Amino acid sequence: MKPHLNSFLFALLCPFGMFFSFLLEADPTKDPFESLHGPNIYSQDYLNQQPGVLTLAELLKSVEKSYPLVLAAEKLLTETEYNYLAAEGAFDLQFKSMGTTKPMGYYTNNAADNVFEKPTPLGGTSFFAGYRIGRGTFPVYDGRRQTNDYGEVRAGAIVPLMRNREIDKNRADLRKADIDRKLAELSIQKLKIEVIKEATKRYWKWVASGQEYLVNKDLLEIAKNRQQQITQRIKLGDIPKMEGTENDRAILQRESQFVSAEREMQKAAIDLSLFLRAADGNLILPTTDRLPIGFPKPIDYKELELEKSIKIAWKFRPEIQDYEFKREKARVDQDMGYNALKPQVDLVVAGSQDFGPGSVTRAKPELEASLVLNLPMQTRRPRGMIGAAEAKIAQLDQELQFSKDKIKTEVQDSISEVIASAKRVIVTQSEVELARKLEVMERERFSLGDSTLLFVNIREQTSAEAAVREIKALYDHHVAVAHFQASTASFLQNSPTP
């Protein structure tokens, strides 16, 4: 009879013993069975107000100022600026000088000729002004070299009337150099879009890995906090020893998951440091205390308009402008071909005046006008230039159309991605709520002796997996937003948000 009484009292007192030991050993300021950490969602303004937090805006500012590939691309723009300066050099003022002497012979003389020449883009007109002097005796056929004693001053202009009037090599090179500057700017824009998109994705990966780290940390802490209580209940005979072994196994499993999550967070921080740099370009490894407390709120995808977004993308995407400028560059070659088909008809107008003692025939000012004609008899070269330019333009037209189609599909896909990821966020949030309710209910059943630790661990693991899926959904959503911003070139516009 006594053994039965002892068993009855033991069974009666075990739940109370477990309860009182729980009260004595628990931290009154913390629930030992604290719910799994979940991704908190806040407004972007609130996230930006966190002291010391690394914001996306700070990261992108670092990319703009210190990322090596962006700086290298800007050097390309500097190169094209210098190429444009070199092309402008075709219109530089030039000075030419020639001196001759003939000290021996039947005719002995000395002559010097100096001239300034200035090409201009004004209809291909070029101007010249010079001074020459010729002293001694000159043969009749070389009499133009002779001047009065103080020399001759002359000035004039060469005006193309047909060929080289609308365009010439110097102006064509200048136009191409200007187009190359614009193409370099577009190359920088294309690079910035890709770099900002990649930096944004790595930022949200870092945030997500930090959230997953906290989930696994909480999961491990729950099992450790339960260890003493499990041991006490085993001593009281409330639960079998196997439950203690089960909790030990759960701790080891969760420690492994925690180490993996910690490694993923470290890897994400290292990957992010490639874009986060100091002013001198050195990498900055973001620390855990700079992690945001959560994700910004998902955007309202109902505000996204497909047709409007496609038009914006066609307007701002640098690929479209790139093809347009390349076509303009090909048209320069086409114009040069048509220019070469025209006959060369140049009007040369010059005035001169001799000074000092000498022949009276050279004492008065002179005005001279000439017409220079150069007629091409065969036109294979210009016709080849025209044909090649037209073929290039036709090729670029097809590539431009394909680029527009490709951009359209990218915008469509990014909007679809944003919508689907936003819906996943809503679904996973509901899943987390239900998983946590089941976790709490299962833990209550275990405390009443109606469940085993195995089922509690399963519920807790399920809650953790649901929380991770919610984090993954939020990460995918913000990555989808980054893809949308890249597809519409929102990064290059005043407002970076869709």
Protein backbone atom coordinates (compact mmCIF):
# COMPACT_ATOMS: atom_id res chain seq x y z
CA MET A 1 0.00 0.00 0.00
CA LYS A 2 2.88 2.34 0.84
CA PRO A 3 4.48 2.10 -2.62
CA HIS A 4 1.17 3.04 -4.24
CA LEU A 5 0.85 6.06 -1.95
CA ASN A 6 4.35 7.23 -2.79
CA SER A 7 3.63 6.92 -6.50
CA PHE A 8 0.43 8.92 -6.06
CA LEU A 9 2.17 11.74 -4.15
CA PHE A 10 5.05 11.82 -6.67
CA ALA A 11 2.68 12.15 -9.60
CA LEU A 12 0.73 14.83 -7.78
CA LEU A 13 3.74 16.92 -6.78
CA CYS A 14 5.77 16.68 -10.02
CA PRO A 15 3.85 19.33 -11.98
CA PHE A 16 3.99 21.67 -8.97
CA GLY A 17 7.69 21.00 -8.49
CA MET A 18 8.33 21.72 -12.13
CA PHE A 19 6.28 24.91 -11.85
CA PHE A 20 8.08 26.18 -8.74
CA SER A 21 11.51 25.31 -10.10
CA PHE A 22 10.56 27.23 -13.24
CA LEU A 23 9.72 30.30 -11.10
CA LEU A 24 12.92 30.07 -9.04
CA GLU A 25 15.35 29.58 -11.92
CA ALA A 26 13.77 31.82 -14.56
CA ASP A 27 14.91 35.37 -15.19
CA PRO A 28 11.91 37.52 -14.14
CA THR A 29 12.77 40.05 -16.84
CA LYS A 30 12.80 37.54 -19.69
CA ASP A 31 10.54 34.80 -20.87
CA PRO A 32 12.75 31.68 -21.09
CA PHE A 33 10.56 30.48 -23.96
CA GLU A 34 10.79 33.74 -25.86
CA SER A 35 9.22 33.62 -29.30
CA LEU A 36 11.51 33.24 -32.25
CA HIS A 37 12.89 36.48 -33.59
CA GLY A 38 11.02 37.46 -36.70
CA PRO A 39 11.72 40.09 -39.35
CA ASN A 40 10.30 43.34 -38.09
CA ILE A 41 8.98 45.57 -40.83
CA TYR A 42 9.26 49.31 -40.43
CA SER A 43 8.96 52.40 -42.56
CA GLN A 44 12.10 53.48 -44.38
CA ASP A 45 12.13 56.79 -42.48
CA TYR A 46 12.22 54.94 -39.17
CA LEU A 47 15.05 52.72 -40.37
CA ASN A 48 17.04 55.80 -41.42
CA GLN A 49 16.64 57.27 -37.93
CA GLN A 50 18.35 54.33 -36.23
CA PRO A 51 21.61 55.64 -34.71
CA GLY A 52 24.64 54.14 -36.42
CA VAL A 53 22.65 51.91 -38.77
CA LEU A 54 23.99 51.38 -42.25
CA THR A 55 21.30 52.63 -44.62
CA LEU A 56 20.97 51.81 -48.28
CA ALA A 57 21.37 55.51 -49.11
CA GLU A 58 24.73 55.59 -47.31
CA LEU A 59 25.89 52.51 -49.20
CA LEU A 60 24.91 53.92 -52.59
CA LYS A 61 26.62 57.21 -51.77
CA SER A 62 29.79 55.23 -51.08
CA VAL A 63 29.40 53.43 -54.41
CA GLU A 64 29.00 56.76 -56.22
CA LYS A 65 32.13 58.28 -54.71
CA SER A 66 34.56 55.43 -54.08
CA TYR A 67 33.69 52.31 -56.10
CA PRO A 68 36.71 51.62 -58.38
CA LEU A 69 34.78 50.55 -61.48
CA VAL A 70 32.66 53.72 -61.35
CA LEU A 71 35.78 55.84 -60.96
CA ALA A 72 37.42 53.95 -63.84
CA ALA A 73 34.40 54.60 -66.05
CA GLU A 74 34.59 58.30 -65.21
CA LYS A 75 38.18 58.24 -66.46
CA LEU A 76 36.80 57.03 -69.78
CA LEU A 77 34.70 60.19 -69.90
CA THR A 78 37.82 62.22 -69.19
CA GLU A 79 39.54 60.46 -72.07
CA THR A 80 36.73 61.36 -74.47
CA GLU A 81 36.86 64.97 -73.25
CA TYR A 82 40.51 65.11 -74.26
CA ASN A 83 39.70 63.45 -77.59
CA TYR A 84 37.12 66.18 -78.17
CA LEU A 85 39.76 68.79 -77.34
CA ALA A 86 42.07 67.14 -79.87
CA ALA A 87 39.32 67.27 -82.50
CA GLU A 88 38.85 70.98 -81.80
CA GLY A 89 42.57 71.33 -82.50
CA ALA A 90 41.82 70.97 -86.21
CA PHE A 91 40.60 74.58 -86.06
CA ASP A 92 43.67 75.91 -84.24
CA LEU A 93 45.50 78.92 -85.59
CA GLN A 94 48.61 77.86 -87.50
CA PHE A 95 51.74 79.74 -88.42
CA LYS A 96 53.86 78.84 -91.43
CA SER A 97 57.14 80.36 -92.48
CA MET A 98 59.55 79.79 -95.32
CA GLY A 99 62.81 81.60 -96.16
CA THR A 100 65.05 81.15 -99.23
CA THR A 101 68.34 82.64 -100.24
CA LYS A 102 70.21 82.55 -103.56
CA PRO A 103 73.65 84.04 -102.99
CA MET A 104 75.25 82.80 -106.23
CA GLY A 105 74.14 82.74 -109.82
CA TYR A 106 72.92 85.16 -112.44
CA TYR A 107 70.02 86.11 -110.19
CA THR A 108 70.87 86.63 -106.52
CA ASN A 109 68.07 87.22 -104.07
CA ASN A 110 66.63 86.60 -100.62
CA ALA A 111 62.97 85.95 -99.82
CA ALA A 112 60.87 85.21 -96.70
CA ASP A 113 57.20 84.30 -96.48
CA ASN A 114 55.20 84.09 -93.24
CA VAL A 115 51.50 83.30 -93.00
CA PHE A 116 48.85 82.67 -90.35
CA GLU A 117 46.05 80.26 -91.26
CA LYS A 118 42.82 79.83 -89.35
CA PRO A 119 40.35 77.07 -90.34
CA THR A 120 36.82 77.59 -89.02
CA PRO A 121 33.67 75.46 -88.79
CA LEU A 122 31.71 78.30 -90.45
CA GLY A 123 30.77 76.65 -93.70
CA GLY A 124 34.30 75.28 -94.03
CA THR A 125 35.69 78.78 -94.55
CA SER A 126 39.33 79.34 -93.65
CA PHE A 127 41.15 82.64 -93.31
CA PHE A 128 44.78 83.56 -93.82
CA ALA A 129 47.00 86.60 -93.29
CA GLY A 130 50.69 86.94 -93.94
CA TYR A 131 53.74 89.00 -94.65
CA ARG A 132 56.42 88.39 -97.25
CA ILE A 133 59.47 90.18 -98.50
CA GLY A 134 61.68 89.54 -101.52
CA ARG A 135 64.87 91.45 -102.28
CA GLY A 136 67.48 91.12 -105.03
CA THR A 137 67.10 90.28 -108.67
CA PHE A 138 64.44 87.83 -109.82
CA PRO A 139 63.80 86.31 -113.23
CA VAL A 140 60.67 87.47 -115.03
CA TYR A 141 58.91 84.17 -114.50
CA ASP A 142 59.52 84.41 -110.71
CA GLY A 143 58.64 88.05 -110.36
CA ARG A 144 55.79 87.46 -107.93
CA ARG A 145 58.36 86.71 -105.23
CA GLN A 146 59.72 90.25 -105.45
CA THR A 147 58.23 92.93 -103.17
CA ASN A 148 58.90 96.54 -102.40
CA ASP A 149 61.59 97.28 -99.83
CA TYR A 150 59.35 97.00 -96.75
CA GLY A 151 57.57 93.86 -97.90
CA GLU A 152 53.97 92.94 -98.59
CA VAL A 153 51.04 92.32 -96.24
CA ARG A 154 48.22 90.11 -97.45
CA ALA A 155 44.99 88.60 -96.08
CA GLY A 156 42.17 86.57 -97.50
CA ALA A 157 39.73 83.70 -97.20
CA ILE A 158 38.96 80.36 -98.86
CA VAL A 159 35.23 79.71 -99.09
CA PRO A 160 33.95 76.26 -100.19
CA LEU A 161 30.87 76.61 -102.39
CA MET A 162 29.90 72.94 -102.80
CA ARG A 163 32.12 70.21 -101.37
CA ASN A 164 33.13 70.78 -97.73
CA ARG A 165 30.51 73.49 -97.29
CA GLU A 166 28.05 71.50 -95.17
CA ILE A 167 30.60 69.12 -93.68
CA ASP A 168 34.27 68.35 -93.96
CA LYS A 169 36.75 66.04 -92.24
CA ASN A 170 37.47 68.45 -89.39
CA ARG A 171 33.81 69.03 -88.58
CA ALA A 172 33.04 65.31 -88.99
CA ASP A 173 35.78 64.41 -86.51
CA LEU A 174 34.45 67.05 -84.10
CA ARG A 175 30.90 65.69 -84.32
CA LYS A 176 32.13 62.14 -83.76
CA ALA A 177 34.19 63.24 -80.77
CA ASP A 178 31.13 64.93 -79.30
CA ILE A 179 29.08 61.76 -79.84
CA ASP A 180 31.84 59.71 -78.20
CA ARG A 181 31.54 61.95 -75.13
CA LYS A 182 27.83 61.25 -74.94
CA LEU A 183 28.42 57.52 -75.45
CA ALA A 184 30.95 57.56 -72.61
CA GLU A 185 28.38 59.19 -70.34
CA LEU A 186 25.89 56.49 -71.27
CA SER A 187 28.47 53.80 -70.54
CA ILE A 188 28.89 55.27 -67.08
CA GLN A 189 25.12 55.27 -66.61
CA LYS A 190 24.85 51.62 -67.69
CA LEU A 191 27.63 50.66 -65.32
CA LYS A 192 26.05 52.59 -62.46
CA ILE A 193 22.73 50.84 -62.97
CA GLU A 194 24.36 47.43 -62.75
CA VAL A 195 26.62 48.38 -59.84
CA ILE A 196 23.80 49.99 -57.84
CA LYS A 197 21.57 46.99 -58.51
CA GLU A 198 24.26 44.58 -57.33
CA ALA A 199 25.09 46.72 -54.28
CA THR A 200 21.40 46.91 -53.38
CA LYS A 201 21.02 43.14 -53.65
CA ARG A 202 24.05 42.55 -51.46
CA TYR A 203 22.75 45.06 -48.91
CA TRP A 204 19.42 43.24 -48.56
CA LYS A 205 21.29 39.92 -48.47
CA TRP A 206 23.26 41.27 -45.51
CA VAL A 207 20.06 42.42 -43.80
CA ALA A 208 18.38 39.05 -44.47
CA SER A 209 21.37 37.08 -43.21
CA GLY A 210 21.35 39.18 -40.03
CA GLN A 211 17.67 38.41 -39.51
CA GLU A 212 18.26 34.68 -40.10
CA TYR A 213 21.17 34.83 -37.65
CA LEU A 214 18.85 36.22 -34.96
CA VAL A 215 16.22 33.55 -35.68
CA ASN A 216 18.78 30.77 -35.20
CA LYS A 217 20.22 32.50 -32.14
CA ASP A 218 16.78 32.65 -30.54
CA LEU A 219 16.10 29.04 -31.48
CA LEU A 220 19.32 27.95 -29.76
CA GLU A 221 18.62 30.09 -26.68
CA ILE A 222 15.19 28.50 -26.24
CA ALA A 223 16.72 25.01 -26.12
CA LYS A 224 19.45 26.14 -23.70
CA ASN A 225 16.98 27.89 -21.41
CA ARG A 226 14.92 24.72 -21.30
CA GLN A 227 17.87 22.50 -20.35
CA GLN A 228 17.75 23.04 -16.59
CA GLN A 229 13.97 22.69 -16.50
CA ILE A 230 14.15 19.41 -18.42
CA THR A 231 16.83 18.12 -16.01
CA GLN A 232 14.67 19.08 -13.02
CA ARG A 233 11.61 17.35 -14.44
CA ILE A 234 13.63 14.22 -15.11
CA LYS A 235 14.83 14.22 -11.49
CA LEU A 236 11.24 14.56 -10.33
CA GLY A 237 10.26 11.69 -12.60
CA ASP A 238 7.82 13.81 -14.55
CA ILE A 239 9.38 12.95 -17.92
CA PRO A 240 11.66 10.13 -19.08
CA LYS A 241 15.43 10.56 -19.49
CA MET A 242 14.99 10.33 -23.23
CA GLU A 243 13.55 13.85 -23.19
CA GLY A 244 16.86 15.15 -21.83
CA THR A 245 18.70 13.37 -24.62
CA GLU A 246 16.27 14.83 -27.12
CA ASN A 247 16.96 18.33 -25.83
CA ASP A 248 20.72 17.73 -26.00
CA ARG A 249 20.30 16.64 -29.62
CA ALA A 250 18.21 19.73 -30.35
CA ILE A 251 20.90 21.97 -28.83
CA LEU A 252 23.59 20.39 -31.01
CA GLN A 253 21.43 20.67 -34.12
CA ARG A 254 20.63 24.30 -33.40
CA GLU A 255 24.25 25.12 -32.60
CA SER A 256 25.15 23.78 -36.03
CA GLN A 257 22.43 25.88 -37.64
CA PHE A 258 23.55 28.90 -35.62
CA VAL A 259 27.17 28.52 -36.75
CA SER A 260 26.01 28.22 -40.37
CA ALA A 261 23.82 31.33 -40.01
CA GLU A 262 26.68 33.23 -38.41
CA ARG A 263 28.96 32.25 -41.28
CA GLU A 264 26.34 33.37 -43.83
CA MET A 265 26.06 36.73 -42.07
CA GLN A 266 29.85 37.13 -42.10
CA LYS A 267 30.00 36.21 -45.78
CA ALA A 268 27.25 38.70 -46.60
CA ALA A 269 29.14 41.41 -44.69
CA ILE A 270 32.35 40.59 -46.57
CA ASP A 271 30.53 40.66 -49.91
CA LEU A 272 28.95 43.98 -48.98
CA SER A 273 32.32 45.49 -48.07
CA LEU A 274 33.24 45.38 -51.76
CA PHE A 275 30.78 48.24 -52.24
CA LEU A 276 31.07 49.96 -48.85
CA ARG A 277 34.27 52.00 -48.93
CA ALA A 278 35.93 54.87 -47.16
CA ALA A 279 36.73 58.11 -48.95
CA ASP A 280 40.22 56.80 -49.76
CA GLY A 281 38.74 53.65 -51.35
CA ASN A 282 39.58 51.20 -48.56
CA LEU A 283 37.01 48.49 -47.83
CA ILE A 284 34.75 48.91 -44.79
CA LEU A 285 33.51 45.68 -43.19
CA PRO A 286 30.06 46.40 -41.73
CA THR A 287 29.62 45.19 -38.16
CA THR A 288 26.53 43.58 -36.66
CA ASP A 289 25.71 46.71 -34.66
CA ARG A 290 25.10 48.50 -37.98
CA LEU A 291 22.43 46.04 -39.08
CA PRO A 292 18.95 47.57 -39.52
CA ILE A 293 16.29 46.33 -37.13
CA GLY A 294 14.26 44.99 -40.02
CA PHE A 295 13.09 45.48 -43.57
CA PRO A 296 11.24 48.48 -44.97
CA LYS A 297 7.58 47.99 -45.70
CA PRO A 298 6.87 46.27 -49.02
CA ILE A 299 5.85 48.71 -51.71
CA ASP A 300 2.26 48.99 -52.90
CA TYR A 301 2.51 47.04 -56.14
CA LYS A 302 -0.96 48.21 -57.17
CA GLU A 303 0.59 51.58 -58.04
CA LEU A 304 2.84 50.02 -60.69
CA GLU A 305 1.56 50.68 -64.20
CA LEU A 306 3.04 48.49 -66.91
CA GLU A 307 2.61 50.77 -69.94
CA LYS A 308 3.81 53.83 -68.05
CA SER A 309 6.82 51.96 -66.73
CA ILE A 310 7.75 50.74 -70.22
CA LYS A 311 7.61 54.30 -71.59
CA ILE A 312 9.77 55.54 -68.72
CA ALA A 313 12.28 52.75 -69.37
CA TRP A 314 12.45 53.59 -73.09
CA LYS A 315 13.02 57.23 -72.19
CA PHE A 316 15.71 56.81 -69.54
CA ARG A 317 17.46 53.51 -70.24
CA PRO A 318 20.93 54.36 -71.60
CA GLU A 319 20.83 51.46 -74.08
CA ILE A 320 18.18 53.24 -76.15
CA GLN A 321 20.11 56.50 -76.24
CA ASP A 322 23.27 54.55 -76.96
CA TYR A 323 21.84 53.19 -80.20
CA GLU A 324 20.49 56.60 -81.18
CA PHE A 325 23.92 58.19 -80.80
CA LYS A 326 25.56 55.34 -82.71
CA ARG A 327 23.11 55.93 -85.55
CA GLU A 328 23.99 59.62 -85.47
CA LYS A 329 27.66 58.69 -85.70
CA ALA A 330 26.96 56.48 -88.73
CA ARG A 331 25.06 59.37 -90.34
CA VAL A 332 28.22 61.47 -90.09
CA ASP A 333 30.00 58.90 -92.28
CA GLN A 334 27.01 58.93 -94.62
CA ASP A 335 27.15 62.73 -94.87
CA MET A 336 30.86 62.54 -95.59
CA GLY A 337 30.14 60.14 -98.45
CA TYR A 338 27.56 62.49 -99.98
CA ASN A 339 29.99 65.37 -99.49
CA ALA A 340 32.70 63.50 -101.42
CA LEU A 341 30.28 63.06 -104.37
CA LYS A 342 30.07 66.82 -104.85
CA PRO A 343 32.57 68.71 -107.01
CA GLN A 344 35.02 70.92 -105.21
CA VAL A 345 34.33 74.58 -106.00
CA ASP A 346 36.26 76.97 -103.76
CA LEU A 347 36.24 80.73 -103.91
CA VAL A 348 39.58 82.27 -102.91
CA VAL A 349 39.56 85.99 -102.14
CA ALA A 350 42.77 87.81 -101.16
CA GLY A 351 43.94 91.38 -100.76
CA SER A 352 47.55 92.61 -100.56
CA GLN A 353 49.55 95.81 -100.17
CA ASP A 354 53.26 96.47 -100.65
CA PHE A 355 55.08 99.06 -98.57
CA GLY A 356 58.23 101.13 -99.01
CA PRO A 357 60.29 102.19 -102.04
CA GLY A 358 60.10 99.99 -105.06
CA SER A 359 58.14 99.46 -108.23
CA VAL A 360 55.14 101.72 -108.72
CA THR A 361 53.29 98.72 -110.11
CA ARG A 362 53.25 97.27 -106.59
CA ALA A 363 52.46 100.50 -104.75
CA LYS A 364 48.66 100.24 -104.91
CA PRO A 365 46.55 97.71 -102.93
CA GLU A 366 45.47 94.66 -104.88
CA LEU A 367 42.34 92.51 -104.63
CA GLU A 368 42.29 89.07 -106.24
CA ALA A 369 39.55 86.45 -106.52
CA SER A 370 40.01 82.90 -107.80
CA LEU A 371 37.75 79.95 -108.39
CA VAL A 372 39.18 76.48 -107.82
CA LEU A 373 37.39 73.53 -109.43
CA ASN A 374 38.05 69.86 -108.71
CA LEU A 375 35.60 67.46 -110.35
CA PRO A 376 35.68 63.72 -109.40
CA MET A 377 35.47 61.54 -112.51
CA GLN A 378 34.90 58.27 -110.60
CA THR A 379 32.90 57.99 -107.38
CA ARG A 380 33.59 54.51 -106.06
CA ARG A 381 35.04 55.72 -102.78
CA PRO A 382 32.13 58.01 -101.80
CA ARG A 383 29.53 55.49 -102.98
CA GLY A 384 31.24 52.83 -100.85
CA MET A 385 31.19 55.15 -97.84
CA ILE A 386 27.48 55.85 -98.33
CA GLY A 387 26.58 52.18 -98.75
CA ALA A 388 28.56 51.13 -95.67
CA ALA A 389 26.95 53.87 -93.57
CA GLU A 390 23.44 52.95 -94.72
CA ALA A 391 24.08 49.29 -93.89
CA LYS A 392 25.36 50.28 -90.46
CA ILE A 393 22.28 52.42 -89.82
CA ALA A 394 19.99 49.57 -90.87
CA GLN A 395 21.85 47.22 -88.52
CA LEU A 396 21.53 49.68 -85.64
CA ASP A 397 17.81 50.11 -86.35
CA GLN A 398 17.27 46.38 -85.91
CA GLU A 399 19.40 46.30 -82.76
CA LEU A 400 17.50 49.29 -81.38
CA GLN A 401 14.17 47.54 -81.94
CA PHE A 402 15.46 44.40 -80.23
CA SER A 403 16.76 46.50 -77.33
CA LYS A 404 13.32 48.08 -76.91
CA ASP A 405 11.68 44.66 -76.94
CA LYS A 406 14.21 43.34 -74.42
CA ILE A 407 13.67 46.30 -72.10
CA LYS A 408 9.91 45.81 -72.36
CA THR A 409 10.21 42.18 -71.27
CA GLU A 410 12.56 43.16 -68.43
CA VAL A 411 10.03 45.68 -67.13
CA GLN A 412 7.21 43.15 -67.45
CA ASP A 413 9.24 40.50 -65.63
CA SER A 414 10.36 42.86 -62.86
CA ILE A 415 6.79 44.00 -62.18
CA SER A 416 5.65 40.39 -62.11
CA GLU A 417 8.50 39.63 -59.70
CA VAL A 418 7.53 42.54 -57.44
CA ILE A 419 3.89 41.48 -57.33
CA ALA A 420 4.63 37.80 -56.69
CA SER A 421 7.19 38.57 -53.97
CA ALA A 422 4.80 41.00 -52.24
CA LYS A 423 2.12 38.31 -52.19
CA ARG A 424 4.65 35.83 -50.79
CA VAL A 425 5.43 38.24 -47.97
CA ILE A 426 1.75 38.33 -46.99
CA VAL A 427 1.46 34.54 -47.15
CA THR A 428 4.64 33.89 -45.16
CA GLN A 429 3.59 36.40 -42.50
CA SER A 430 0.38 34.45 -41.99
CA GLU A 431 2.33 31.22 -41.93
CA VAL A 432 4.65 32.57 -39.21
CA GLU A 433 1.69 33.64 -37.08
CA LEU A 434 0.09 30.20 -37.29
CA ALA A 435 3.40 28.40 -36.72
CA ARG A 436 4.03 30.40 -33.57
CA LYS A 437 0.54 29.73 -32.27
CA LEU A 438 1.08 26.01 -32.76
CA GLU A 439 4.49 26.29 -31.11
CA VAL A 440 2.99 27.92 -28.01
CA MET A 441 0.16 25.40 -27.89
CA GLU A 442 2.57 22.47 -28.22
CA ARG A 443 4.76 23.86 -25.45
CA GLU A 444 1.71 24.18 -23.20
CA ARG A 445 0.75 20.57 -23.95
CA PHE A 446 4.28 19.48 -23.06
CA SER A 447 4.16 21.34 -19.74
CA LEU A 448 0.91 19.49 -18.97
CA GLY A 449 2.44 16.15 -19.93
CA ASP A 450 0.31 15.68 -23.05
CA SER A 451 3.21 15.97 -25.52
CA THR A 452 6.87 15.11 -25.84
CA LEU A 453 9.90 17.28 -26.40
CA LEU A 454 10.27 15.82 -29.87
CA PHE A 455 7.01 17.45 -30.95
CA VAL A 456 7.97 20.70 -29.21
CA ASN A 457 11.27 20.73 -31.12
CA ILE A 458 9.44 20.04 -34.35
CA ARG A 459 7.06 22.96 -33.70
CA GLU A 460 9.93 25.29 -32.81
CA GLN A 461 11.92 24.22 -35.86
CA THR A 462 8.84 24.71 -38.02
CA SER A 463 8.41 28.23 -36.60
CA ALA A 464 12.05 28.99 -37.32
CA GLU A 465 11.75 27.69 -40.88
CA ALA A 466 8.59 29.79 -41.37
CA ALA A 467 10.43 32.86 -40.05
CA VAL A 468 13.31 32.18 -42.45
CA ARG A 469 10.84 31.85 -45.33
CA GLU A 470 9.35 35.20 -44.36
CA ILE A 471 12.83 36.72 -44.35
CA LYS A 472 13.53 35.12 -47.74
CA ALA A 473 10.26 36.53 -49.09
CA LEU A 474 11.13 40.02 -47.85
CA TYR A 475 14.62 39.71 -49.31
CA ASP A 476 13.22 38.55 -52.65
CA HIS A 477 10.72 41.42 -52.62
CA HIS A 478 13.34 44.11 -52.10
CA VAL A 479 15.59 42.48 -54.69
CA ALA A 480 12.61 42.50 -57.07
CA VAL A 481 12.17 46.23 -56.39
CA ALA A 482 15.85 46.73 -57.23
CA HIS A 483 15.34 44.83 -60.50
CA PHE A 484 12.35 47.05 -61.29
CA GLN A 485 14.33 50.19 -60.55
CA ALA A 486 17.15 48.95 -62.78
CA SER A 487 14.78 48.00 -65.62
CA THR A 488 13.22 51.50 -65.62
CA ALA A 489 16.52 53.30 -64.88
CA SER A 490 14.94 54.74 -61.73
CA PHE A 491 18.43 54.88 -60.21
CA LEU A 492 19.26 57.67 -62.69
CA GLN A 493 16.15 59.71 -61.96
CA ASN A 494 15.51 62.11 -59.15
CA SER A 495 13.25 59.71 -57.28
CA PRO A 496 14.84 56.29 -56.85
CA THR A 497 11.67 54.66 -55.63
CA PRO A 498 8.99 53.33 -57.99
